[in-house]
Protein backbone atom coordinates (compact mmCIF):
# COMPACT_ATOMS: atom_id res chain seq x y z
CA MET A 1 -16.33 4.34 2.81
CA THR A 2 -18.72 1.39 3.16
CA GLU A 3 -16.63 -0.73 0.77
CA PHE A 4 -13.40 0.12 2.58
CA ARG A 5 -14.99 -0.69 5.97
CA GLN A 6 -16.07 -4.09 4.65
CA ARG A 7 -12.58 -4.83 3.27
CA GLN A 8 -11.10 -3.80 6.60
CA THR A 9 -13.45 -5.88 8.75
CA THR A 10 -13.15 -9.03 6.60
CA ASP A 11 -9.36 -8.98 6.16
CA PRO A 12 -8.00 -12.13 7.89
CA GLY A 13 -4.75 -10.39 8.82
CA LEU A 14 -6.57 -7.71 10.83
CA GLN A 15 -8.87 -9.88 12.94
CA SER A 16 -6.61 -9.86 16.00
CA TYR A 17 -6.43 -6.05 15.81
CA TRP A 18 -10.22 -5.82 15.77
CA THR A 19 -10.31 -8.08 18.83
CA HIS A 20 -7.88 -5.83 20.71
CA ALA A 21 -9.81 -2.71 19.71
CA ARG A 22 -13.16 -4.12 20.89
CA ALA A 23 -11.52 -5.17 24.17
CA GLY A 24 -10.53 -1.57 24.87
CA SER A 25 -6.85 -1.73 23.89
CA ASP A 26 -4.87 1.52 23.84
CA ASP A 27 -2.95 0.41 20.74
CA PHE A 28 -6.00 -0.13 18.54
CA LYS A 29 -9.19 1.89 18.44
CA ILE A 30 -12.44 1.97 16.43
CA ILE A 31 -13.22 5.49 15.20
CA ARG A 32 -16.39 6.11 13.17
CA GLY A 33 -16.59 2.39 12.38
CA LEU A 34 -13.01 2.11 11.09
CA LEU A 35 -9.99 0.49 12.71
CA TYR A 36 -7.09 2.74 13.77
CA ARG A 37 -3.74 2.12 15.45
CA ARG A 38 -1.91 4.43 17.81
CA ALA A 39 1.07 6.00 16.01
CA PRO A 40 4.45 5.41 17.73
CA TRP A 41 5.33 9.12 17.57
CA SER A 42 3.95 12.18 19.32
CA SER A 43 3.78 14.50 16.27
CA THR A 44 0.57 12.98 14.87
CA ILE A 45 -2.36 15.21 15.77
CA THR A 46 -5.19 13.72 13.67
CA ASN A 47 -7.62 11.30 15.34
CA ASP A 48 -5.93 11.79 18.72
CA GLY A 49 -2.67 10.25 17.53
CA TYR A 50 -4.12 7.26 15.67
CA VAL A 51 -3.49 6.26 12.04
CA LEU A 52 -5.77 4.26 9.74
CA VAL A 53 -5.16 0.49 9.50
CA LEU A 54 -5.11 -0.75 5.90
CA PRO A 55 -6.41 -4.09 4.61
CA ALA A 56 -4.04 -6.14 2.46
CA SER A 57 -5.89 -5.14 -0.71
CA ALA A 58 -4.92 -1.48 -0.23
CA GLU A 59 -1.28 -1.88 0.83
CA CYS A 60 0.38 -1.84 -2.61
CA ASP A 61 -1.54 1.21 -3.81
CA VAL A 62 -0.59 3.21 -0.72
CA ILE A 63 3.08 2.16 -0.89
CA GLN A 64 3.19 3.11 -4.56
CA MET A 65 1.66 6.52 -3.87
CA GLY A 66 4.16 7.12 -1.08
CA HIS A 67 7.15 6.06 -3.17
CA ASP A 68 6.87 6.61 -6.91
CA THR A 69 4.22 9.22 -7.62
CA PRO A 70 5.60 12.38 -9.30
CA LEU A 71 5.38 14.37 -6.06
CA SER A 72 7.20 11.65 -4.11
CA GLY A 73 10.27 11.44 -6.33
CA HIS A 74 11.13 7.76 -5.70
CA MET A 75 12.35 8.15 -2.14
CA GLY A 76 14.36 5.48 -0.34
CA VAL A 77 13.05 2.99 2.20
CA LYS A 78 13.34 5.31 5.21
CA LYS A 79 11.57 8.32 3.68
CA THR A 80 8.91 6.17 2.01
CA MET A 81 8.28 4.51 5.37
CA GLN A 82 7.94 7.91 7.04
CA ARG A 83 5.44 9.13 4.45
CA VAL A 84 3.26 6.05 4.59
CA ALA A 85 3.45 5.66 8.37
CA SER A 86 2.37 9.26 8.94
CA GLU A 87 -1.16 8.32 7.86
CA PHE A 88 -1.43 4.51 7.70
CA TYR A 89 -0.46 1.23 9.31
CA PHE A 90 -0.57 -2.39 8.16
CA PRO A 91 1.10 -5.64 9.30
CA LYS A 92 4.83 -6.03 8.47
CA MET A 93 4.78 -2.53 7.00
CA GLN A 94 8.52 -1.82 7.09
CA ARG A 95 9.47 -5.12 5.44
CA LYS A 96 6.87 -4.74 2.68
CA ILE A 97 7.93 -1.17 1.93
CA ALA A 98 11.60 -2.17 1.83
CA GLN A 99 10.82 -5.01 -0.60
CA PHE A 100 8.81 -2.68 -2.86
CA VAL A 101 11.59 -0.07 -2.99
CA LYS A 102 14.29 -2.67 -3.66
CA CYS A 103 12.27 -4.03 -6.61
CA CYS A 104 11.56 -0.59 -8.12
CA HIS A 105 13.04 -0.69 -11.63
CA ILE A 106 13.44 3.09 -11.92
CA CYS A 107 15.33 3.29 -8.62
CA GLN A 108 17.68 0.51 -9.77
CA MET A 109 18.37 2.38 -13.02
CA VAL A 110 19.04 5.86 -11.63
CA ARG A 111 20.28 5.38 -8.06
CA ASN A 112 23.78 6.53 -7.20
CA LYS A 113 26.36 3.76 -7.18
CA ARG A 114 28.36 3.14 -4.04
CA VAL A 115 32.07 2.54 -4.34
CA GLU A 116 31.70 -1.12 -3.42
CA ASP A 117 29.08 -1.57 -6.18
CA ARG A 118 31.46 -0.53 -8.95
CA GLN A 119 32.48 -3.99 -10.08
CA PRO A 120 33.51 -4.70 -13.68
CA LEU A 121 31.12 -6.89 -15.62
CA GLN A 122 32.18 -10.33 -16.76
CA PRO A 123 33.14 -10.61 -20.44
CA THR A 124 30.48 -12.00 -22.77
CA GLU A 125 31.12 -15.63 -23.61
CA VAL A 126 30.54 -17.32 -26.95
CA ILE A 127 27.71 -19.79 -26.40
CA ASP A 128 28.19 -23.25 -27.88
CA THR A 129 25.78 -25.32 -25.81
CA PRO A 130 22.44 -27.09 -26.39
CA PRO A 131 19.24 -25.04 -26.04
CA PHE A 132 18.17 -24.01 -22.52
CA GLN A 133 21.44 -25.13 -20.94
CA ASP A 134 22.66 -21.55 -20.44
CA LEU A 135 20.08 -19.08 -19.08
CA THR A 136 19.97 -15.45 -18.01
CA ILE A 137 17.23 -14.36 -15.60
CA ASP A 138 16.07 -10.94 -14.45
CA VAL A 139 13.09 -9.26 -12.77
CA MET A 140 11.34 -6.23 -14.24
CA GLY A 141 8.57 -4.18 -12.72
CA GLY A 142 7.69 -1.76 -9.96
CA ASN A 143 5.89 0.60 -12.34
CA LEU A 144 4.07 -1.92 -14.55
CA PRO A 145 0.25 -2.07 -14.66
CA VAL A 146 -1.21 -4.53 -12.15
CA THR A 147 -3.06 -7.43 -13.77
CA ALA A 148 -6.37 -8.90 -12.69
CA GLN A 149 -4.39 -11.64 -10.90
CA LYS A 150 -2.47 -8.95 -8.91
CA ASN A 151 0.75 -9.55 -10.86
CA ARG A 152 2.95 -6.43 -10.98
CA TYR A 153 6.39 -7.84 -11.93
CA VAL A 154 7.83 -9.92 -14.78
CA LEU A 155 10.43 -12.67 -14.47
CA SER A 156 12.35 -12.78 -17.75
CA ILE A 157 14.17 -15.99 -18.71
CA ILE A 158 16.51 -15.87 -21.73
CA CYS A 159 18.19 -18.83 -23.40
CA ASN A 160 21.64 -17.56 -24.31
CA ALA A 161 22.14 -20.31 -26.91
CA THR A 162 19.01 -19.72 -28.98
CA GLY A 163 17.87 -16.23 -27.95
CA TRP A 164 14.55 -17.61 -26.70
CA VAL A 165 12.88 -15.10 -24.35
CA GLU A 166 10.13 -16.05 -21.93
CA ALA A 167 8.33 -13.56 -19.67
CA ARG A 168 6.44 -14.86 -16.65
CA PRO A 169 4.19 -12.52 -14.59
CA ILE A 170 4.74 -12.66 -10.82
CA LYS A 171 3.09 -10.91 -7.87
CA ASN A 172 6.28 -10.04 -5.98
CA CYS A 173 10.07 -10.34 -6.01
CA LYS A 174 10.30 -12.88 -3.21
CA ALA A 175 12.75 -15.75 -3.62
CA GLU A 176 9.97 -18.34 -3.14
CA THR A 177 7.95 -16.83 -5.99
CA ILE A 178 10.95 -16.72 -8.33
CA ALA A 179 11.92 -20.30 -7.42
CA ASP A 180 8.39 -21.58 -8.18
CA GLU A 181 8.38 -19.98 -11.65
CA LEU A 182 11.87 -21.25 -12.45
CA LEU A 183 10.89 -24.81 -11.54
CA LYS A 184 7.86 -24.56 -13.83
CA PHE A 185 10.14 -23.37 -16.63
CA PHE A 186 12.64 -26.19 -15.98
CA CYS A 187 9.86 -28.81 -16.10
CA ASP A 188 8.87 -27.49 -19.52
CA LYS A 189 12.26 -26.78 -21.11
CA GLY A 190 14.73 -28.89 -19.09
CA PHE A 191 17.29 -28.16 -16.39
CA PRO A 192 20.09 -25.74 -17.30
CA LYS A 193 23.76 -26.13 -16.46
CA VAL A 194 24.40 -22.41 -16.00
CA MET A 195 22.09 -19.64 -14.79
CA LYS A 196 23.25 -16.00 -14.98
CA SER A 197 21.74 -13.01 -13.19
CA ASP A 198 22.52 -9.72 -11.52
CA SER A 199 23.15 -9.45 -7.77
CA MET A 200 19.55 -8.92 -6.64
CA THR A 201 19.05 -10.22 -3.11
CA SER A 202 16.41 -12.78 -4.10
CA PHE A 203 18.76 -14.42 -6.63
CA LYS A 204 21.32 -15.01 -3.84
CA SER A 205 18.80 -16.24 -1.26
CA GLU A 206 19.09 -19.57 0.54
CA ILE A 207 16.08 -20.90 -1.37
CA LEU A 208 17.60 -20.35 -4.83
CA VAL A 209 21.00 -21.56 -3.62
CA ALA A 210 19.30 -24.79 -2.49
CA VAL A 211 17.49 -25.13 -5.84
CA ARG A 212 20.74 -24.68 -7.78
CA ASP A 213 22.60 -27.16 -5.54
CA LYS A 214 19.85 -29.77 -5.83
CA LEU A 215 19.65 -29.51 -9.64
CA GLY A 216 23.38 -29.07 -10.25
CA ILE A 217 23.04 -25.57 -11.71
CA GLN A 218 26.06 -23.25 -11.68
CA ALA A 219 25.31 -19.63 -10.78
CA ARG A 220 27.09 -16.72 -12.42
CA PHE A 221 26.48 -13.16 -11.25
CA SER A 222 27.29 -9.98 -13.14
CA ALA A 223 29.83 -8.92 -10.49
CA PRO A 224 32.86 -11.26 -10.21
CA SER A 225 33.18 -10.83 -6.45
CA LEU A 226 29.55 -11.89 -5.93
CA ALA A 227 30.02 -14.87 -8.23
CA ARG A 228 32.97 -16.06 -6.17
CA GLN A 229 30.91 -15.62 -3.01
CA ASP A 230 28.05 -17.70 -4.41
CA ARG A 231 30.38 -20.50 -5.54
CA LYS A 232 31.92 -20.55 -2.10
CA SER A 233 28.53 -20.74 -0.39
CA THR A 234 27.33 -23.60 -2.63
CA SER A 235 30.51 -25.67 -2.61
CA LYS A 236 30.48 -28.95 -0.72
CA PRO A 237 32.57 -29.25 2.47
CA ARG A 238 35.90 -31.02 2.15
CA ASN A 239 36.57 -34.27 3.95
CA ASP A 240 40.17 -33.74 5.01
CA VAL A 241 42.05 -36.85 6.07
CA THR A 242 44.21 -36.35 9.14
């Protein structure tokens, strides 16, 4: 309890909450030396309707317990949010839970496919290009052990010409994180002409679109319709002469 209290009081992201609680705010309250937040629902009966505020160091463990423990059954974003929010609160909770669930490898493998997701894969091409000019990237993780550097995902980069495989540990699935690792890889191996991936949201983000446009990299997604959408979004505007 003493260690958790210290982590809670020293967390930079919680300092404004502590200030509100000490000023007598109704939204935040100090109970037995710990910081609590009033729950936005009337069904909570513990601690007079307040839930425990978590420091950043405890967020991932709590989300994981609420989502992918055997008793949880890999629930979706809404149900995972309900389970976590029934006992805890932390800044940007809904967005962080949604990102965790979207990056869960098991959920991606077993979830039911919607009709609009059932797109035929592109045929495999025969590669006849120099090394590291044609790449395939993917993100693995969600249930991997967390490293000492807080990395819990792996960005895999495969050279389709040589079969070279490189795995880079990353802390999250954010587009900025993926872009940073790709740029490090490019500086070491050279800039590719083609980069293939699935349709994960981060791969289609504005940041990676800007990186591909700046470096002249063509994107190819596993679903043809998404590939056409990406080419349309990255194409330069026409200068029509009237």
